Amino acid sequence: MPVSTVKICGVRRPEDALVVAEAGADYLGMVFVPGRRRRIEPAAARVITDGLHALGPGAPQSVGLFGDQPLGDVLDTIDGAGLDCVQLCGDESPEYCRRVQERAGVIKVLHVADDADIAGMAELIDAYAAAGCTITLDSQVTGLHGGTGQSFDWSIAAKLAESGRQFLLAGGLTPENVADAAAQVNPWGVDVSSGVETDGAQDHAKIRQFIANARSDS
């Protein structure tokens, strides 16, 4: 089953952003977490967001990724980079998310362990959804907030989808497996970073193929 929403993450260059937009992504993610190799400075991100806005209403929404950072820093970056949304990848509380929502939309990443309790994950999703957040389910890797290229047990996500929870599926997705993931899990959307890179750089052919495969009926 094709997904309705696709997010391409880790964008750092305007030329990559243009490909992401032209290929039909719904969200374009940029990393602002200190120490991450995909990190972009707000001024450089502003060039990208200005370019997206110039494309008109059909352009992807810009998303800034943060992880356990001071609220003031996040709010300043929203303004400086011209972000539409924020993706919070750490242990931010629902109240923290509500504070960010005064400035931008919020996607909250929940990390899924291999032995995750379905009922507990459902309660966590509900708590953040009640706070107005869109949810992303990603693999749990100690010390990292995401972008690891590692997947988790999709059967956990599938059971959560069957229970009526909506989320973006992330973690280890590639152009080759995204259609299978969509069929097995039936998520609202999918999110990719390393899966559309070659040698650490965004690969335009992979970006286009990922989006096409995610939306394919086959």
N, C-alpha and C. Protein backbone atom coordinates (compact mmCIF):
# COMPACT_ATOMS: atom_id res chain seq x y z
N MET A 1 0.85 -1.20 0.00
CA MET A 1 0.00 0.00 0.00
C MET A 1 0.88 1.25 0.00
N PRO A 2 0.66 2.18 -0.92
CA PRO A 2 1.49 3.39 -0.95
C PRO A 2 1.22 4.28 0.25
N VAL A 3 2.20 5.07 0.62
CA VAL A 3 2.04 6.00 1.74
C VAL A 3 1.61 7.36 1.23
N SER A 4 1.01 8.15 2.11
CA SER A 4 0.54 9.47 1.70
C SER A 4 1.58 10.56 1.92
N THR A 5 2.58 10.27 2.77
CA THR A 5 3.52 11.32 3.18
C THR A 5 4.95 10.80 3.13
N VAL A 6 5.85 11.60 2.56
CA VAL A 6 7.27 11.23 2.47
C VAL A 6 8.12 12.38 2.98
N LYS A 7 9.08 12.05 3.85
CA LYS A 7 10.03 13.04 4.37
C LYS A 7 11.44 12.61 4.00
N ILE A 8 12.18 13.53 3.39
CA ILE A 8 13.59 13.31 3.06
C ILE A 8 14.41 14.17 4.00
N CYS A 9 15.31 13.53 4.73
CA CYS A 9 16.04 14.23 5.79
C CYS A 9 17.53 14.33 5.48
N GLY A 10 18.20 15.24 6.19
CA GLY A 10 19.64 15.40 6.05
C GLY A 10 20.06 16.31 4.92
N VAL A 11 19.14 17.16 4.46
CA VAL A 11 19.45 18.06 3.35
C VAL A 11 20.39 19.17 3.83
N ARG A 12 21.42 19.44 3.03
CA ARG A 12 22.39 20.48 3.38
C ARG A 12 22.67 21.45 2.25
N ARG A 13 22.25 21.10 1.03
CA ARG A 13 22.60 21.94 -0.13
C ARG A 13 21.33 22.34 -0.89
N PRO A 14 21.27 23.56 -1.40
CA PRO A 14 20.10 24.00 -2.16
C PRO A 14 19.79 23.11 -3.36
N GLU A 15 20.83 22.61 -4.03
CA GLU A 15 20.58 21.76 -5.20
C GLU A 15 19.92 20.43 -4.82
N ASP A 16 20.26 19.92 -3.63
CA ASP A 16 19.59 18.71 -3.14
C ASP A 16 18.14 19.02 -2.76
N ALA A 17 17.94 20.17 -2.15
CA ALA A 17 16.59 20.58 -1.77
C ALA A 17 15.68 20.68 -2.98
N LEU A 18 16.21 21.19 -4.09
CA LEU A 18 15.41 21.33 -5.30
C LEU A 18 14.99 19.96 -5.83
N VAL A 19 15.88 18.99 -5.79
CA VAL A 19 15.54 17.64 -6.22
C VAL A 19 14.46 17.04 -5.32
N VAL A 20 14.62 17.22 -4.01
CA VAL A 20 13.63 16.72 -3.06
C VAL A 20 12.25 17.32 -3.36
N ALA A 21 12.23 18.62 -3.64
CA ALA A 21 10.96 19.29 -3.94
C ALA A 21 10.38 18.81 -5.26
N GLU A 22 11.21 18.74 -6.29
CA GLU A 22 10.72 18.35 -7.61
C GLU A 22 10.25 16.90 -7.63
N ALA A 23 10.84 16.06 -6.79
CA ALA A 23 10.44 14.65 -6.73
C ALA A 23 9.13 14.44 -5.96
N GLY A 24 8.67 15.48 -5.27
CA GLY A 24 7.36 15.41 -4.65
C GLY A 24 7.32 15.08 -3.17
N ALA A 25 8.43 15.28 -2.46
CA ALA A 25 8.42 15.04 -1.01
C ALA A 25 7.49 16.03 -0.31
N ASP A 26 6.96 15.60 0.82
CA ASP A 26 6.08 16.46 1.62
C ASP A 26 6.85 17.26 2.67
N TYR A 27 7.92 16.66 3.20
CA TYR A 27 8.75 17.30 4.22
C TYR A 27 10.21 17.20 3.81
N LEU A 28 10.97 18.25 4.13
CA LEU A 28 12.40 18.28 3.87
C LEU A 28 13.10 18.59 5.20
N GLY A 29 13.91 17.65 5.67
CA GLY A 29 14.52 17.79 6.99
C GLY A 29 15.96 18.26 6.95
N MET A 30 16.30 19.13 7.91
CA MET A 30 17.68 19.62 8.07
C MET A 30 18.08 19.44 9.53
N VAL A 31 19.31 19.03 9.75
CA VAL A 31 19.77 18.66 11.09
C VAL A 31 20.47 19.83 11.78
N PHE A 32 20.04 20.11 13.00
CA PHE A 32 20.66 21.18 13.81
C PHE A 32 21.22 20.63 15.13
N VAL A 33 21.36 19.32 15.22
CA VAL A 33 21.90 18.70 16.43
C VAL A 33 23.42 18.86 16.44
N PRO A 34 24.00 19.45 17.49
CA PRO A 34 25.46 19.62 17.55
C PRO A 34 26.20 18.30 17.42
N GLY A 35 27.30 18.34 16.68
CA GLY A 35 28.16 17.17 16.58
C GLY A 35 27.76 16.16 15.54
N ARG A 36 26.62 16.34 14.87
CA ARG A 36 26.20 15.39 13.83
C ARG A 36 26.79 15.80 12.49
N ARG A 37 27.19 14.83 11.69
CA ARG A 37 27.87 15.16 10.44
C ARG A 37 26.94 15.86 9.45
N ARG A 38 25.65 15.67 9.56
CA ARG A 38 24.71 16.31 8.63
C ARG A 38 24.28 17.70 9.12
N ARG A 39 24.86 18.18 10.21
CA ARG A 39 24.41 19.44 10.79
C ARG A 39 24.60 20.59 9.80
N ILE A 40 23.63 21.49 9.80
CA ILE A 40 23.66 22.68 8.94
C ILE A 40 23.51 23.91 9.82
N GLU A 41 24.13 25.00 9.42
CA GLU A 41 24.00 26.25 10.16
C GLU A 41 22.69 26.95 9.76
N PRO A 42 22.09 27.69 10.69
CA PRO A 42 20.82 28.36 10.38
C PRO A 42 20.87 29.25 9.14
N ALA A 43 21.97 29.94 8.94
CA ALA A 43 22.06 30.83 7.78
C ALA A 43 22.02 30.04 6.47
N ALA A 44 22.70 28.90 6.44
CA ALA A 44 22.67 28.05 5.25
C ALA A 44 21.29 27.44 5.07
N ALA A 45 20.65 27.08 6.18
CA ALA A 45 19.30 26.53 6.11
C ALA A 45 18.32 27.58 5.57
N ARG A 46 18.56 28.83 5.92
CA ARG A 46 17.67 29.90 5.47
C ARG A 46 17.67 30.02 3.94
N VAL A 47 18.81 29.79 3.33
CA VAL A 47 18.88 29.80 1.87
C VAL A 47 17.96 28.72 1.29
N ILE A 48 17.97 27.56 1.94
CA ILE A 48 17.12 26.46 1.48
C ILE A 48 15.65 26.76 1.71
N THR A 49 15.29 27.25 2.89
CA THR A 49 13.88 27.52 3.16
C THR A 49 13.35 28.66 2.30
N ASP A 50 14.17 29.66 2.05
CA ASP A 50 13.74 30.74 1.15
C ASP A 50 13.48 30.18 -0.25
N GLY A 51 14.33 29.25 -0.67
CA GLY A 51 14.13 28.63 -1.98
C GLY A 51 12.85 27.81 -2.04
N LEU A 52 12.53 27.12 -0.95
CA LEU A 52 11.28 26.35 -0.90
C LEU A 52 10.07 27.27 -0.96
N HIS A 53 10.13 28.35 -0.19
CA HIS A 53 9.00 29.28 -0.19
C HIS A 53 8.79 29.89 -1.57
N ALA A 54 9.88 30.09 -2.31
CA ALA A 54 9.77 30.67 -3.64
C ALA A 54 9.09 29.71 -4.63
N LEU A 55 9.09 28.42 -4.31
CA LEU A 55 8.46 27.44 -5.18
C LEU A 55 6.94 27.47 -5.07
N GLY A 56 6.41 28.06 -4.01
CA GLY A 56 4.96 28.16 -3.87
C GLY A 56 4.38 27.12 -2.95
N PRO A 57 3.05 27.04 -2.90
CA PRO A 57 2.36 26.20 -1.90
C PRO A 57 2.58 24.70 -2.05
N GLY A 58 3.04 24.23 -3.20
CA GLY A 58 3.25 22.80 -3.37
C GLY A 58 4.60 22.31 -2.88
N ALA A 59 5.43 23.20 -2.39
CA ALA A 59 6.79 22.82 -1.96
C ALA A 59 6.73 22.04 -0.64
N PRO A 60 7.76 21.23 -0.37
CA PRO A 60 7.82 20.53 0.92
C PRO A 60 7.89 21.51 2.08
N GLN A 61 7.36 21.10 3.23
CA GLN A 61 7.54 21.88 4.44
C GLN A 61 8.94 21.63 4.99
N SER A 62 9.59 22.68 5.44
CA SER A 62 10.92 22.55 6.02
C SER A 62 10.83 22.12 7.47
N VAL A 63 11.69 21.17 7.85
CA VAL A 63 11.70 20.61 9.20
C VAL A 63 13.10 20.69 9.77
N GLY A 64 13.24 21.26 10.96
CA GLY A 64 14.53 21.30 11.64
C GLY A 64 14.60 20.21 12.69
N LEU A 65 15.66 19.42 12.67
CA LEU A 65 15.84 18.33 13.64
C LEU A 65 16.68 18.78 14.82
N PHE A 66 16.18 18.50 16.02
CA PHE A 66 16.85 18.85 17.27
C PHE A 66 16.77 17.66 18.22
N GLY A 67 17.69 17.64 19.19
CA GLY A 67 17.67 16.56 20.17
C GLY A 67 18.13 17.04 21.53
N ASP A 68 17.18 17.16 22.45
CA ASP A 68 17.48 17.54 23.84
C ASP A 68 18.27 18.85 23.93
N GLN A 69 17.86 19.83 23.16
CA GLN A 69 18.54 21.13 23.14
C GLN A 69 17.71 22.17 23.89
N PRO A 70 18.36 23.22 24.40
CA PRO A 70 17.62 24.24 25.14
C PRO A 70 16.50 24.83 24.29
N LEU A 71 15.36 25.05 24.93
CA LEU A 71 14.20 25.56 24.20
C LEU A 71 14.51 26.86 23.48
N GLY A 72 15.25 27.76 24.14
CA GLY A 72 15.58 29.03 23.52
C GLY A 72 16.38 28.87 22.24
N ASP A 73 17.30 27.90 22.22
CA ASP A 73 18.09 27.66 21.02
C ASP A 73 17.21 27.17 19.88
N VAL A 74 16.26 26.30 20.21
CA VAL A 74 15.35 25.77 19.19
C VAL A 74 14.50 26.90 18.61
N LEU A 75 13.94 27.73 19.48
CA LEU A 75 13.08 28.82 19.02
C LEU A 75 13.87 29.83 18.18
N ASP A 76 15.09 30.11 18.58
CA ASP A 76 15.93 31.04 17.81
C ASP A 76 16.23 30.47 16.42
N THR A 77 16.46 29.16 16.35
CA THR A 77 16.77 28.54 15.06
C THR A 77 15.54 28.51 14.16
N ILE A 78 14.38 28.28 14.74
CA ILE A 78 13.14 28.33 13.95
C ILE A 78 13.05 29.66 13.22
N ASP A 79 13.28 30.73 13.97
CA ASP A 79 13.19 32.07 13.38
C ASP A 79 14.33 32.33 12.38
N GLY A 80 15.56 31.99 12.79
CA GLY A 80 16.71 32.28 11.95
C GLY A 80 16.73 31.50 10.65
N ALA A 81 16.29 30.24 10.73
CA ALA A 81 16.31 29.38 9.54
C ALA A 81 15.01 29.43 8.76
N GLY A 82 13.98 30.06 9.32
CA GLY A 82 12.70 30.13 8.63
C GLY A 82 11.98 28.80 8.53
N LEU A 83 12.02 28.00 9.59
CA LEU A 83 11.47 26.64 9.57
C LEU A 83 9.95 26.62 9.69
N ASP A 84 9.35 25.66 9.00
CA ASP A 84 7.91 25.43 9.13
C ASP A 84 7.60 24.51 10.32
N CYS A 85 8.47 23.53 10.53
CA CYS A 85 8.24 22.50 11.55
C CYS A 85 9.55 22.18 12.27
N VAL A 86 9.40 21.51 13.40
CA VAL A 86 10.54 21.02 14.18
C VAL A 86 10.34 19.53 14.43
N GLN A 87 11.41 18.76 14.30
CA GLN A 87 11.38 17.36 14.68
C GLN A 87 12.25 17.18 15.92
N LEU A 88 11.64 16.73 16.99
CA LEU A 88 12.33 16.58 18.26
C LEU A 88 12.69 15.11 18.45
N CYS A 89 14.00 14.85 18.51
CA CYS A 89 14.50 13.48 18.44
C CYS A 89 15.03 12.95 19.76
N GLY A 90 14.92 13.73 20.84
CA GLY A 90 15.46 13.31 22.12
C GLY A 90 14.38 12.87 23.09
N ASP A 91 14.57 13.24 24.35
CA ASP A 91 13.62 12.87 25.40
C ASP A 91 12.73 14.04 25.80
N GLU A 92 12.43 14.91 24.84
CA GLU A 92 11.61 16.09 25.12
C GLU A 92 10.22 15.68 25.62
N SER A 93 9.74 16.40 26.61
CA SER A 93 8.43 16.09 27.21
C SER A 93 7.30 16.66 26.36
N PRO A 94 6.07 16.17 26.59
CA PRO A 94 4.92 16.78 25.90
C PRO A 94 4.82 18.28 26.16
N GLU A 95 5.15 18.71 27.38
CA GLU A 95 5.07 20.14 27.68
C GLU A 95 6.10 20.92 26.86
N TYR A 96 7.30 20.39 26.72
CA TYR A 96 8.32 21.02 25.88
C TYR A 96 7.79 21.14 24.45
N CYS A 97 7.17 20.07 23.96
CA CYS A 97 6.61 20.08 22.60
C CYS A 97 5.55 21.17 22.45
N ARG A 98 4.72 21.32 23.48
CA ARG A 98 3.69 22.36 23.41
C ARG A 98 4.32 23.75 23.32
N ARG A 99 5.41 23.95 24.02
CA ARG A 99 6.07 25.25 23.98
C ARG A 99 6.61 25.53 22.57
N VAL A 100 7.18 24.52 21.95
CA VAL A 100 7.70 24.69 20.59
C VAL A 100 6.56 24.97 19.61
N GLN A 101 5.40 24.36 19.86
CA GLN A 101 4.27 24.53 18.95
C GLN A 101 3.74 25.96 18.92
N GLU A 102 4.14 26.77 19.86
CA GLU A 102 3.76 28.17 19.81
C GLU A 102 4.43 28.88 18.63
N ARG A 103 5.47 28.23 18.07
CA ARG A 103 6.26 28.83 16.98
C ARG A 103 6.21 28.01 15.69
N ALA A 104 6.04 26.69 15.80
CA ALA A 104 6.10 25.82 14.61
C ALA A 104 5.43 24.48 14.90
N GLY A 105 5.12 23.76 13.84
CA GLY A 105 4.59 22.41 14.01
C GLY A 105 5.65 21.49 14.60
N VAL A 106 5.23 20.42 15.25
CA VAL A 106 6.17 19.52 15.92
C VAL A 106 5.95 18.07 15.49
N ILE A 107 7.06 17.44 15.07
CA ILE A 107 7.11 16.00 14.86
C ILE A 107 7.94 15.43 16.01
N LYS A 108 7.38 14.50 16.76
CA LYS A 108 8.11 13.90 17.89
C LYS A 108 8.55 12.49 17.53
N VAL A 109 9.85 12.25 17.63
CA VAL A 109 10.40 10.93 17.35
C VAL A 109 10.33 10.07 18.62
N LEU A 110 9.78 8.89 18.47
CA LEU A 110 9.78 7.90 19.55
C LEU A 110 10.64 6.73 19.09
N HIS A 111 11.62 6.37 19.91
CA HIS A 111 12.56 5.32 19.54
C HIS A 111 12.06 3.96 20.04
N VAL A 112 12.09 3.00 19.14
CA VAL A 112 11.49 1.69 19.40
C VAL A 112 12.57 0.65 19.62
N ALA A 113 12.59 0.07 20.80
CA ALA A 113 13.53 -1.02 21.10
C ALA A 113 12.98 -2.33 20.53
N ASP A 114 13.88 -3.30 20.34
CA ASP A 114 13.46 -4.58 19.79
C ASP A 114 12.49 -5.32 20.71
N ASP A 115 12.57 -5.03 22.00
CA ASP A 115 11.67 -5.69 22.96
C ASP A 115 10.59 -4.72 23.44
N ALA A 116 10.25 -3.74 22.63
CA ALA A 116 9.29 -2.71 23.03
C ALA A 116 7.93 -3.32 23.36
N ASP A 117 7.32 -2.78 24.39
CA ASP A 117 5.98 -3.21 24.79
C ASP A 117 4.96 -2.45 23.95
N ILE A 118 4.09 -3.17 23.26
CA ILE A 118 3.14 -2.55 22.35
C ILE A 118 2.21 -1.59 23.09
N ALA A 119 1.70 -2.04 24.23
CA ALA A 119 0.78 -1.20 24.99
C ALA A 119 1.48 0.07 25.49
N GLY A 120 2.72 -0.09 25.93
CA GLY A 120 3.47 1.07 26.40
C GLY A 120 3.76 2.05 25.28
N MET A 121 4.10 1.53 24.10
CA MET A 121 4.35 2.41 22.96
C MET A 121 3.06 3.13 22.55
N ALA A 122 1.95 2.43 22.61
CA ALA A 122 0.67 3.04 22.24
C ALA A 122 0.34 4.19 23.19
N GLU A 123 0.59 4.00 24.48
CA GLU A 123 0.33 5.05 25.45
C GLU A 123 1.24 6.27 25.20
N LEU A 124 2.48 6.00 24.83
CA LEU A 124 3.42 7.08 24.56
C LEU A 124 2.99 7.86 23.32
N ILE A 125 2.61 7.14 22.28
CA ILE A 125 2.11 7.81 21.08
C ILE A 125 0.91 8.68 21.41
N ASP A 126 -0.02 8.14 22.19
CA ASP A 126 -1.23 8.88 22.54
C ASP A 126 -0.91 10.15 23.33
N ALA A 127 0.08 10.06 24.23
CA ALA A 127 0.43 11.22 25.05
C ALA A 127 0.97 12.36 24.19
N TYR A 128 1.82 12.03 23.24
CA TYR A 128 2.38 13.08 22.38
C TYR A 128 1.38 13.54 21.33
N ALA A 129 0.55 12.63 20.86
CA ALA A 129 -0.49 13.04 19.91
C ALA A 129 -1.47 14.00 20.59
N ALA A 130 -1.76 13.74 21.86
CA ALA A 130 -2.65 14.63 22.61
C ALA A 130 -2.03 16.02 22.78
N ALA A 131 -0.69 16.07 22.75
CA ALA A 131 0.01 17.35 22.83
C ALA A 131 0.13 18.03 21.47
N GLY A 132 -0.50 17.44 20.45
CA GLY A 132 -0.53 18.05 19.13
C GLY A 132 0.60 17.66 18.21
N CYS A 133 1.36 16.62 18.59
CA CYS A 133 2.52 16.23 17.80
C CYS A 133 2.17 15.20 16.73
N THR A 134 2.84 15.32 15.59
CA THR A 134 2.92 14.22 14.64
C THR A 134 4.00 13.27 15.16
N ILE A 135 3.81 11.97 14.96
CA ILE A 135 4.72 10.98 15.53
C ILE A 135 5.58 10.33 14.45
N THR A 136 6.86 10.13 14.78
CA THR A 136 7.75 9.29 13.97
C THR A 136 8.26 8.15 14.85
N LEU A 137 8.23 6.94 14.32
CA LEU A 137 8.82 5.80 15.01
C LEU A 137 10.15 5.47 14.34
N ASP A 138 11.21 5.43 15.13
CA ASP A 138 12.56 5.20 14.61
C ASP A 138 13.23 4.14 15.48
N SER A 139 14.32 3.59 14.99
CA SER A 139 15.06 2.58 15.75
C SER A 139 15.75 3.21 16.95
N GLN A 140 15.90 2.43 18.00
CA GLN A 140 16.59 2.89 19.21
C GLN A 140 18.04 2.44 19.15
N VAL A 141 18.94 3.42 19.07
CA VAL A 141 20.39 3.15 19.06
C VAL A 141 21.01 4.02 20.14
N THR A 142 21.67 3.40 21.09
CA THR A 142 22.22 4.11 22.23
C THR A 142 23.14 5.25 21.81
N GLY A 143 22.86 6.44 22.33
CA GLY A 143 23.71 7.59 22.09
C GLY A 143 23.42 8.35 20.82
N LEU A 144 22.46 7.88 20.02
CA LEU A 144 22.15 8.56 18.76
C LEU A 144 20.68 8.90 18.69
N HIS A 145 20.37 10.03 18.03
CA HIS A 145 18.99 10.49 17.93
C HIS A 145 18.31 10.02 16.65
N GLY A 146 19.05 9.38 15.75
CA GLY A 146 18.48 8.95 14.48
C GLY A 146 19.50 9.05 13.37
N GLY A 147 19.05 8.78 12.14
CA GLY A 147 19.95 8.83 11.00
C GLY A 147 20.99 7.72 11.00
N THR A 148 20.66 6.61 11.67
CA THR A 148 21.64 5.53 11.83
C THR A 148 21.62 4.55 10.68
N GLY A 149 20.55 4.53 9.91
CA GLY A 149 20.42 3.53 8.85
C GLY A 149 20.04 2.16 9.36
N GLN A 150 19.67 2.07 10.63
CA GLN A 150 19.28 0.79 11.22
C GLN A 150 17.77 0.73 11.40
N SER A 151 17.20 -0.40 11.05
CA SER A 151 15.76 -0.58 11.18
C SER A 151 15.44 -1.25 12.51
N PHE A 152 14.15 -1.30 12.82
CA PHE A 152 13.70 -2.04 14.00
C PHE A 152 12.65 -3.05 13.56
N ASP A 153 12.11 -3.78 14.50
CA ASP A 153 11.13 -4.83 14.19
C ASP A 153 9.85 -4.20 13.66
N TRP A 154 9.63 -4.31 12.36
CA TRP A 154 8.47 -3.68 11.75
C TRP A 154 7.14 -4.24 12.26
N SER A 155 7.17 -5.46 12.82
CA SER A 155 5.91 -6.03 13.31
C SER A 155 5.36 -5.21 14.48
N ILE A 156 6.25 -4.56 15.23
CA ILE A 156 5.80 -3.69 16.33
C ILE A 156 5.05 -2.50 15.75
N ALA A 157 5.63 -1.89 14.72
CA ALA A 157 4.99 -0.75 14.08
C ALA A 157 3.67 -1.16 13.42
N ALA A 158 3.66 -2.34 12.82
CA ALA A 158 2.44 -2.81 12.16
C ALA A 158 1.29 -2.97 13.16
N LYS A 159 1.60 -3.48 14.34
CA LYS A 159 0.56 -3.65 15.36
C LYS A 159 0.05 -2.30 15.85
N LEU A 160 0.95 -1.33 15.94
CA LEU A 160 0.53 0.01 16.35
C LEU A 160 -0.34 0.65 15.28
N ALA A 161 0.00 0.43 14.01
CA ALA A 161 -0.83 0.94 12.92
C ALA A 161 -2.20 0.27 12.92
N GLU A 162 -2.22 -1.03 13.18
CA GLU A 162 -3.48 -1.76 13.23
C GLU A 162 -4.39 -1.24 14.34
N SER A 163 -3.77 -0.71 15.40
CA SER A 163 -4.55 -0.19 16.52
C SER A 163 -5.08 1.22 16.26
N GLY A 164 -4.76 1.76 15.08
CA GLY A 164 -5.28 3.07 14.70
C GLY A 164 -4.31 4.22 14.92
N ARG A 165 -3.10 3.93 15.40
CA ARG A 165 -2.12 5.00 15.58
C ARG A 165 -1.50 5.38 14.25
N GLN A 166 -1.34 6.68 14.02
CA GLN A 166 -0.73 7.19 12.80
C GLN A 166 0.69 7.67 13.10
N PHE A 167 1.59 7.37 12.18
CA PHE A 167 2.99 7.77 12.40
C PHE A 167 3.76 7.70 11.09
N LEU A 168 4.91 8.38 11.09
CA LEU A 168 5.91 8.21 10.05
C LEU A 168 6.84 7.08 10.48
N LEU A 169 7.17 6.20 9.56
CA LEU A 169 8.10 5.10 9.83
C LEU A 169 9.49 5.51 9.37
N ALA A 170 10.48 5.36 10.26
CA ALA A 170 11.87 5.70 9.94
C ALA A 170 12.78 4.57 10.41
N GLY A 171 14.02 4.61 9.95
CA GLY A 171 15.01 3.65 10.41
C GLY A 171 15.31 2.57 9.39
N GLY A 172 16.42 2.71 8.68
CA GLY A 172 16.86 1.66 7.78
C GLY A 172 16.10 1.56 6.47
N LEU A 173 15.31 2.57 6.14
CA LEU A 173 14.57 2.53 4.88
C LEU A 173 15.46 2.91 3.71
N THR A 174 15.20 2.28 2.56
CA THR A 174 15.95 2.52 1.33
C THR A 174 14.97 2.49 0.16
N PRO A 175 15.42 2.91 -1.02
CA PRO A 175 14.54 2.76 -2.18
C PRO A 175 14.12 1.31 -2.42
N GLU A 176 15.00 0.38 -2.04
CA GLU A 176 14.73 -1.03 -2.30
C GLU A 176 13.71 -1.64 -1.34
N ASN A 177 13.64 -1.15 -0.10
CA ASN A 177 12.74 -1.80 0.87
C ASN A 177 11.54 -0.97 1.29
N VAL A 178 11.44 0.28 0.80
CA VAL A 178 10.37 1.15 1.31
C VAL A 178 8.99 0.64 0.91
N ALA A 179 8.85 0.07 -0.28
CA ALA A 179 7.54 -0.44 -0.68
C ALA A 179 7.12 -1.61 0.21
N ASP A 180 8.08 -2.50 0.53
CA ASP A 180 7.77 -3.62 1.43
C ASP A 180 7.41 -3.11 2.82
N ALA A 181 8.15 -2.11 3.29
CA ALA A 181 7.85 -1.55 4.61
C ALA A 181 6.45 -0.97 4.64
N ALA A 182 6.09 -0.24 3.59
CA ALA A 182 4.76 0.36 3.54
C ALA A 182 3.68 -0.71 3.52
N ALA A 183 3.93 -1.80 2.78
CA ALA A 183 2.95 -2.88 2.70
C ALA A 183 2.81 -3.62 4.03
N GLN A 184 3.94 -3.84 4.71
CA GLN A 184 3.90 -4.59 5.97
C GLN A 184 3.33 -3.78 7.13
N VAL A 185 3.67 -2.49 7.16
CA VAL A 185 3.35 -1.67 8.34
C VAL A 185 2.11 -0.82 8.14
N ASN A 186 1.89 -0.34 6.92
CA ASN A 186 0.81 0.58 6.62
C ASN A 186 0.91 1.86 7.45
N PRO A 187 2.07 2.52 7.41
CA PRO A 187 2.24 3.78 8.15
C PRO A 187 1.57 4.93 7.40
N TRP A 188 1.38 6.02 8.10
CA TRP A 188 0.89 7.24 7.46
C TRP A 188 1.93 7.79 6.49
N GLY A 189 3.22 7.67 6.86
CA GLY A 189 4.28 8.17 6.02
C GLY A 189 5.60 7.49 6.31
N VAL A 190 6.63 7.85 5.53
CA VAL A 190 7.96 7.29 5.71
C VAL A 190 8.99 8.42 5.73
N ASP A 191 10.11 8.15 6.39
CA ASP A 191 11.15 9.15 6.62
C ASP A 191 12.50 8.49 6.36
N VAL A 192 13.34 9.14 5.55
CA VAL A 192 14.63 8.54 5.19
C VAL A 192 15.73 9.58 5.25
N SER A 193 16.93 9.10 5.59
CA SER A 193 18.11 9.96 5.58
C SER A 193 19.26 9.21 4.91
N SER A 194 19.90 8.30 5.64
CA SER A 194 21.06 7.60 5.10
C SER A 194 20.70 6.72 3.90
N GLY A 195 19.45 6.28 3.82
CA GLY A 195 19.04 5.40 2.74
C GLY A 195 19.02 6.04 1.37
N VAL A 196 19.11 7.37 1.30
CA VAL A 196 19.18 8.06 0.00
C VAL A 196 20.52 8.78 -0.16
N GLU A 197 21.52 8.26 0.52
CA GLU A 197 22.87 8.80 0.41
C GLU A 197 23.81 7.80 -0.26
N THR A 198 24.84 8.31 -0.90
CA THR A 198 25.94 7.51 -1.42
C THR A 198 27.24 8.16 -0.95
N ASP A 199 28.04 7.41 -0.22
CA ASP A 199 29.30 7.93 0.33
C ASP A 199 29.07 9.20 1.15
N GLY A 200 27.96 9.23 1.92
CA GLY A 200 27.70 10.33 2.82
C GLY A 200 27.06 11.55 2.19
N ALA A 201 26.82 11.51 0.89
CA ALA A 201 26.19 12.64 0.20
C ALA A 201 24.84 12.22 -0.36
N GLN A 202 23.91 13.14 -0.40
CA GLN A 202 22.60 12.81 -0.95
C GLN A 202 22.71 12.46 -2.42
N ASP A 203 22.05 11.37 -2.78
CA ASP A 203 22.08 10.81 -4.12
C ASP A 203 20.75 11.14 -4.80
N HIS A 204 20.79 11.95 -5.83
CA HIS A 204 19.55 12.42 -6.45
C HIS A 204 18.73 11.28 -7.04
N ALA A 205 19.39 10.30 -7.62
CA ALA A 205 18.66 9.17 -8.19
C ALA A 205 17.96 8.37 -7.09
N LYS A 206 18.63 8.19 -5.96
CA LYS A 206 18.03 7.46 -4.85
C LYS A 206 16.85 8.23 -4.25
N ILE A 207 16.97 9.55 -4.17
CA ILE A 207 15.87 10.35 -3.64
C ILE A 207 14.63 10.17 -4.52
N ARG A 208 14.82 10.29 -5.83
CA ARG A 208 13.68 10.15 -6.74
C ARG A 208 13.09 8.75 -6.67
N GLN A 209 13.95 7.74 -6.62
CA GLN A 209 13.46 6.36 -6.59
C GLN A 209 12.76 6.05 -5.28
N PHE A 210 13.29 6.57 -4.18
CA PHE A 210 12.64 6.34 -2.88
C PHE A 210 11.22 6.88 -2.88
N ILE A 211 11.06 8.10 -3.35
CA ILE A 211 9.73 8.72 -3.34
C ILE A 211 8.80 7.98 -4.28
N ALA A 212 9.30 7.60 -5.46
CA ALA A 212 8.47 6.86 -6.40
C ALA A 212 8.04 5.52 -5.84
N ASN A 213 8.96 4.80 -5.20
CA ASN A 213 8.64 3.49 -4.66
C ASN A 213 7.71 3.57 -3.45
N ALA A 214 7.89 4.63 -2.64
CA ALA A 214 7.01 4.80 -1.49
C ALA A 214 5.57 5.04 -1.91
N ARG A 215 5.40 5.62 -3.06
CA ARG A 215 4.05 5.96 -3.54
C ARG A 215 3.52 4.98 -4.57
N SER A 216 4.27 3.90 -4.79
CA SER A 216 3.87 2.92 -5.81
C SER A 216 2.80 1.97 -5.27
N ASP A 217 1.90 1.56 -6.13
CA ASP A 217 0.88 0.58 -5.75
C ASP A 217 1.40 -0.85 -5.80
N SER A 218 2.55 -1.05 -6.45
CA SER A 218 3.06 -2.41 -6.63
C SER A 218 3.87 -2.86 -5.42
